[in-house]
Amino acid sequence: MKTSASSEKTIIILCDGNFPTKGPALKALKDSRKQKSRYTLISCDGAILNLLENGMDADWIVGDMDTLPKKYQARFKDKIHKEAEQDFNDLAKAFRFALGLIAEDNKDTAYSIIILGATGKREDHALGNISYLPMFAQTLRERFPKRTISVSAVTDYGVFVPILDTTRLKGEPGDKISIFAFDQTLKIKSTGLEYKTDEVTFDLWWKATLNTFKKRDVLLKFSHPAKALLYFPF
């Protein structure tokens, strides 16, 4: 399932969840080290240890440094961007840092922000990280309204993509999809799916999960702009 257009540059944010081991997640991580002119790899503080164990390094390390031993803080002092505030987690801090990198770049450059390691280990961290995505998409729209910048989270098992309004999707019959939304007043009329979502009330996360493409073209028509999230398993 293709969920976003190709971009000229890619920012990888590696969280301290499950380290990528296969598929598109591992490929994105490896590509970020092979094609450094097109990629920037930002590691949340503790995740740098996983990178080192796998023979890789990061371009930047962002976070409050509470999980990074002092010897590594000294070793990587030129790469560290420390934020001590505790209102947001290290993923949100890394995303803010990525916004700064994008703002400094040419205004016509397209970007893809790919988040890895967002799930696994602690489930509360996983839920928190994934629920950041629609907020990140809203921030990108507001801050860079004329630029092509996407954000997604890729795991060993699938990809999460935030959407904010009516969306057309292309896939193949049989492709799987789950829809999550965070607005009980939102209605999503769907065409091209096995199970219609027209009457779904998005008050619990399971309400529009485990659906399937019946056609190559799927339309999700929003009753009004709202934060929502799609998941496509590999």
Protein backbone atom coordinates (compact mmCIF):
# COMPACT_ATOMS: atom_id res chain seq x y z
CA MET A 1 0.00 0.00 0.00
CA LYS A 2 1.53 3.32 -1.06
CA THR A 3 0.66 6.08 1.37
CA SER A 4 2.81 9.06 0.39
CA ALA A 5 4.64 10.54 -2.55
CA SER A 6 8.40 10.34 -2.81
CA SER A 7 10.28 13.25 -1.27
CA GLU A 8 13.53 14.99 -2.07
CA LYS A 9 14.74 14.70 1.53
CA THR A 10 13.85 12.46 4.44
CA ILE A 11 14.21 12.95 8.17
CA ILE A 12 14.26 9.74 10.21
CA ILE A 13 13.36 10.00 13.90
CA LEU A 14 14.37 6.90 15.85
CA CYS A 15 12.55 6.37 19.15
CA ASP A 16 13.65 4.03 21.92
CA GLY A 17 11.00 1.37 21.29
CA ASN A 18 11.55 -1.80 19.30
CA PHE A 19 14.53 -1.38 16.99
CA PRO A 20 13.67 -2.01 13.31
CA THR A 21 14.51 -5.55 12.23
CA LYS A 22 12.88 -6.02 8.83
CA GLY A 23 10.88 -4.61 5.92
CA PRO A 24 10.45 -0.91 5.11
CA ALA A 25 11.40 0.16 8.65
CA LEU A 26 14.84 -1.42 8.51
CA LYS A 27 15.34 -0.30 4.91
CA ALA A 28 14.58 3.33 5.83
CA LEU A 29 17.08 3.18 8.67
CA LYS A 30 19.81 1.65 6.52
CA ASP A 31 19.13 4.09 3.67
CA SER A 32 19.59 6.97 6.09
CA ARG A 33 23.21 5.87 6.64
CA LYS A 34 23.94 5.08 2.98
CA GLN A 35 22.43 8.25 1.46
CA LYS A 36 23.39 10.98 3.91
CA SER A 37 22.90 13.75 1.36
CA ARG A 38 19.17 12.95 1.27
CA TYR A 39 18.64 11.74 4.83
CA THR A 40 19.00 13.11 8.34
CA LEU A 41 18.79 10.68 11.26
CA ILE A 42 17.63 12.09 14.58
CA SER A 43 17.90 9.72 17.54
CA CYS A 44 15.91 10.14 20.74
CA ASP A 45 18.46 10.01 23.52
CA GLY A 46 18.29 6.37 24.63
CA ALA A 47 17.88 5.05 21.08
CA ILE A 48 21.48 5.96 20.21
CA LEU A 49 22.60 2.91 22.21
CA ASN A 50 20.55 0.64 19.92
CA LEU A 51 22.13 2.32 16.89
CA LEU A 52 25.64 1.78 18.23
CA GLU A 53 24.91 -1.89 18.94
CA ASN A 54 23.89 -2.25 15.30
CA GLY A 55 26.98 -0.51 13.93
CA MET A 56 25.27 2.80 13.14
CA ASP A 57 25.34 6.37 14.37
CA ALA A 58 22.99 9.36 14.31
CA ASP A 59 23.33 12.87 12.93
CA TRP A 60 21.61 14.35 15.98
CA ILE A 61 20.57 13.17 19.45
CA VAL A 62 17.55 14.90 21.00
CA GLY A 63 15.86 14.58 24.38
CA ASP A 64 16.25 15.29 28.06
CA MET A 65 19.22 12.85 28.21
CA ASP A 66 17.75 11.04 31.21
CA THR A 67 18.42 7.63 29.64
CA LEU A 68 21.79 8.40 28.04
CA PRO A 69 24.82 7.57 30.22
CA LYS A 70 27.21 10.43 30.94
CA LYS A 71 30.05 8.88 28.96
CA TYR A 72 27.94 8.95 25.80
CA GLN A 73 26.79 12.50 26.52
CA ALA A 74 30.45 13.50 26.53
CA ARG A 75 31.25 11.43 23.45
CA PHE A 76 28.41 12.91 21.39
CA LYS A 77 28.35 16.42 22.85
CA ASP A 78 28.52 18.02 19.37
CA LYS A 79 25.42 16.12 18.23
CA ILE A 80 23.26 16.56 21.32
CA HIS A 81 20.29 18.91 21.47
CA LYS A 82 19.06 18.79 25.05
CA GLU A 83 15.54 19.78 26.11
CA ALA A 84 14.82 19.34 29.80
CA GLU A 85 11.10 20.20 29.86
CA GLN A 86 8.77 17.31 30.72
CA ASP A 87 5.46 18.42 29.15
CA PHE A 88 6.27 16.48 25.97
CA ASN A 89 8.19 13.26 25.42
CA ASP A 90 11.43 12.79 23.48
CA LEU A 91 9.60 12.05 20.21
CA ALA A 92 7.83 15.41 20.37
CA LYS A 93 11.13 17.11 21.13
CA ALA A 94 12.79 15.38 18.18
CA PHE A 95 9.90 16.42 15.94
CA ARG A 96 10.30 20.06 17.04
CA PHE A 97 14.00 19.81 16.23
CA ALA A 98 13.13 18.41 12.79
CA LEU A 99 10.85 21.40 12.17
CA GLY A 100 13.83 23.66 12.75
CA LEU A 101 15.93 21.75 10.23
CA ILE A 102 13.17 22.00 7.63
CA ALA A 103 12.69 25.72 8.26
CA GLU A 104 16.41 26.31 7.64
CA ASP A 105 16.31 24.47 4.30
CA ASN A 106 15.26 25.76 0.90
CA LYS A 107 11.57 26.64 0.97
CA ASP A 108 10.86 24.51 -2.10
CA THR A 109 12.35 21.30 -0.68
CA ALA A 110 9.86 18.49 -0.09
CA TYR A 111 10.32 16.42 3.05
CA SER A 112 9.17 13.11 4.47
CA ILE A 113 9.45 12.61 8.22
CA ILE A 114 9.54 8.90 9.08
CA ILE A 115 9.31 7.84 12.72
CA LEU A 116 10.85 4.48 13.65
CA GLY A 117 10.91 2.62 16.97
CA ALA A 118 7.71 4.31 18.15
CA THR A 119 6.11 1.07 19.38
CA GLY A 120 7.17 -1.90 21.45
CA LYS A 121 8.51 -2.21 25.00
CA ARG A 122 6.11 -0.01 27.04
CA GLU A 123 2.57 0.10 25.67
CA ASP A 124 1.84 3.51 27.22
CA HIS A 125 4.79 4.98 25.32
CA ALA A 126 3.58 3.29 22.13
CA LEU A 127 0.05 4.72 22.42
CA GLY A 128 1.39 8.14 23.28
CA ASN A 129 3.82 8.17 20.35
CA ILE A 130 1.22 7.06 17.82
CA SER A 131 -1.35 9.57 19.05
CA TYR A 132 1.13 12.38 18.42
CA LEU A 133 0.93 11.82 14.65
CA PRO A 134 -2.28 13.77 13.86
CA MET A 135 -0.98 16.66 15.98
CA PHE A 136 2.30 16.56 14.05
CA ALA A 137 0.38 16.63 10.75
CA GLN A 138 -1.64 19.63 11.92
CA THR A 139 1.55 21.44 12.96
CA LEU A 140 3.15 20.80 9.57
CA ARG A 141 0.07 22.14 7.77
CA GLU A 142 0.01 25.30 9.86
CA ARG A 143 3.74 25.99 9.84
CA PHE A 144 4.50 25.05 6.22
CA PRO A 145 1.20 25.58 4.35
CA LYS A 146 2.83 25.82 0.90
CA ARG A 147 5.31 22.98 1.23
CA THR A 148 5.02 19.23 0.65
CA ILE A 149 5.90 17.63 3.98
CA SER A 150 4.53 14.31 5.21
CA VAL A 151 4.86 12.42 8.49
CA SER A 152 4.36 8.73 9.21
CA ALA A 153 5.39 6.06 11.69
CA VAL A 154 6.74 2.80 10.31
CA THR A 155 7.12 -0.39 12.34
CA ASP A 156 8.19 -3.90 11.43
CA TYR A 157 4.51 -4.68 10.85
CA GLY A 158 2.91 -1.67 9.17
CA VAL A 159 2.69 2.09 8.76
CA PHE A 160 0.62 4.74 10.55
CA VAL A 161 -0.38 7.78 8.46
CA PRO A 162 -2.26 10.81 9.87
CA ILE A 163 -4.98 12.55 7.85
CA LEU A 164 -6.85 15.77 8.60
CA ASP A 165 -9.64 15.92 6.02
CA THR A 166 -11.25 14.08 3.11
CA THR A 167 -8.69 11.73 1.59
CA ARG A 168 -8.44 9.53 -1.51
CA LEU A 169 -6.39 6.35 -1.23
CA LYS A 170 -5.07 3.98 -3.84
CA GLY A 171 -4.35 0.33 -3.19
CA GLU A 172 -5.29 -3.15 -4.31
CA PRO A 173 -8.41 -5.17 -3.46
CA GLY A 174 -7.59 -7.10 -0.32
CA ASP A 175 -5.32 -4.46 1.19
CA LYS A 176 -5.99 -4.01 4.89
CA ILE A 177 -6.70 -0.71 6.63
CA SER A 178 -7.74 0.52 10.06
CA ILE A 179 -9.11 4.00 10.77
CA PHE A 180 -8.80 5.83 14.09
CA ALA A 181 -10.26 9.24 14.86
CA PHE A 182 -10.26 11.52 17.88
CA ASP A 183 -13.48 13.49 17.38
CA GLN A 184 -16.83 11.99 18.35
CA THR A 185 -18.67 14.49 16.15
CA LEU A 186 -16.79 13.38 13.03
CA LYS A 187 -18.53 11.29 10.37
CA ILE A 188 -16.50 9.57 7.67
CA LYS A 189 -18.38 8.36 4.60
CA SER A 190 -16.40 5.70 2.82
CA THR A 191 -16.50 4.22 -0.66
CA GLY A 192 -14.40 1.31 -1.85
CA LEU A 193 -14.09 -0.45 1.53
CA GLU A 194 -15.61 -3.78 2.52
CA TYR A 195 -17.26 -2.27 5.60
CA LYS A 196 -18.78 1.21 5.33
CA THR A 197 -17.84 3.70 8.00
CA ASP A 198 -20.73 6.10 7.43
CA GLU A 199 -22.47 5.42 10.76
CA VAL A 200 -19.41 4.94 12.92
CA THR A 201 -19.14 7.08 16.06
CA PHE A 202 -15.47 7.52 16.83
CA ASP A 203 -15.67 7.28 20.60
CA LEU A 204 -13.45 4.22 21.01
CA TRP A 205 -10.36 3.27 19.02
CA TRP A 206 -11.63 -0.11 17.78
CA LYS A 207 -14.68 1.30 15.99
CA ALA A 208 -13.30 1.38 12.40
CA THR A 209 -10.44 -1.10 12.58
CA LEU A 210 -9.77 -4.22 10.50
CA ASN A 211 -11.29 -3.05 7.22
CA THR A 212 -10.35 -4.10 3.69
CA PHE A 213 -10.08 -2.48 0.26
CA LYS A 214 -12.76 -3.75 -2.12
CA LYS A 215 -11.55 -1.50 -4.94
CA ARG A 216 -8.30 0.15 -5.96
CA ASP A 217 -9.71 3.61 -5.21
CA VAL A 218 -11.02 4.41 -1.74
CA LEU A 219 -12.58 7.70 -0.65
CA LEU A 220 -12.84 8.76 2.98
CA LYS A 221 -15.10 11.82 3.05
CA PHE A 222 -14.95 13.81 6.28
CA SER A 223 -17.95 15.74 7.60
CA HIS A 224 -15.46 18.38 8.75
CA PRO A 225 -11.68 18.69 9.20
CA ALA A 226 -10.52 16.55 12.11
CA LYS A 227 -7.54 14.59 13.39
CA ALA A 228 -7.53 10.96 12.24
CA LEU A 229 -5.07 8.16 11.73
CA LEU A 230 -4.79 5.34 9.21
CA TYR A 231 -2.92 2.09 9.70
CA PHE A 232 -1.81 -0.17 6.84
CA PRO A 233 -0.31 -3.53 7.83
CA PHE A 234 2.45 -4.94 5.65
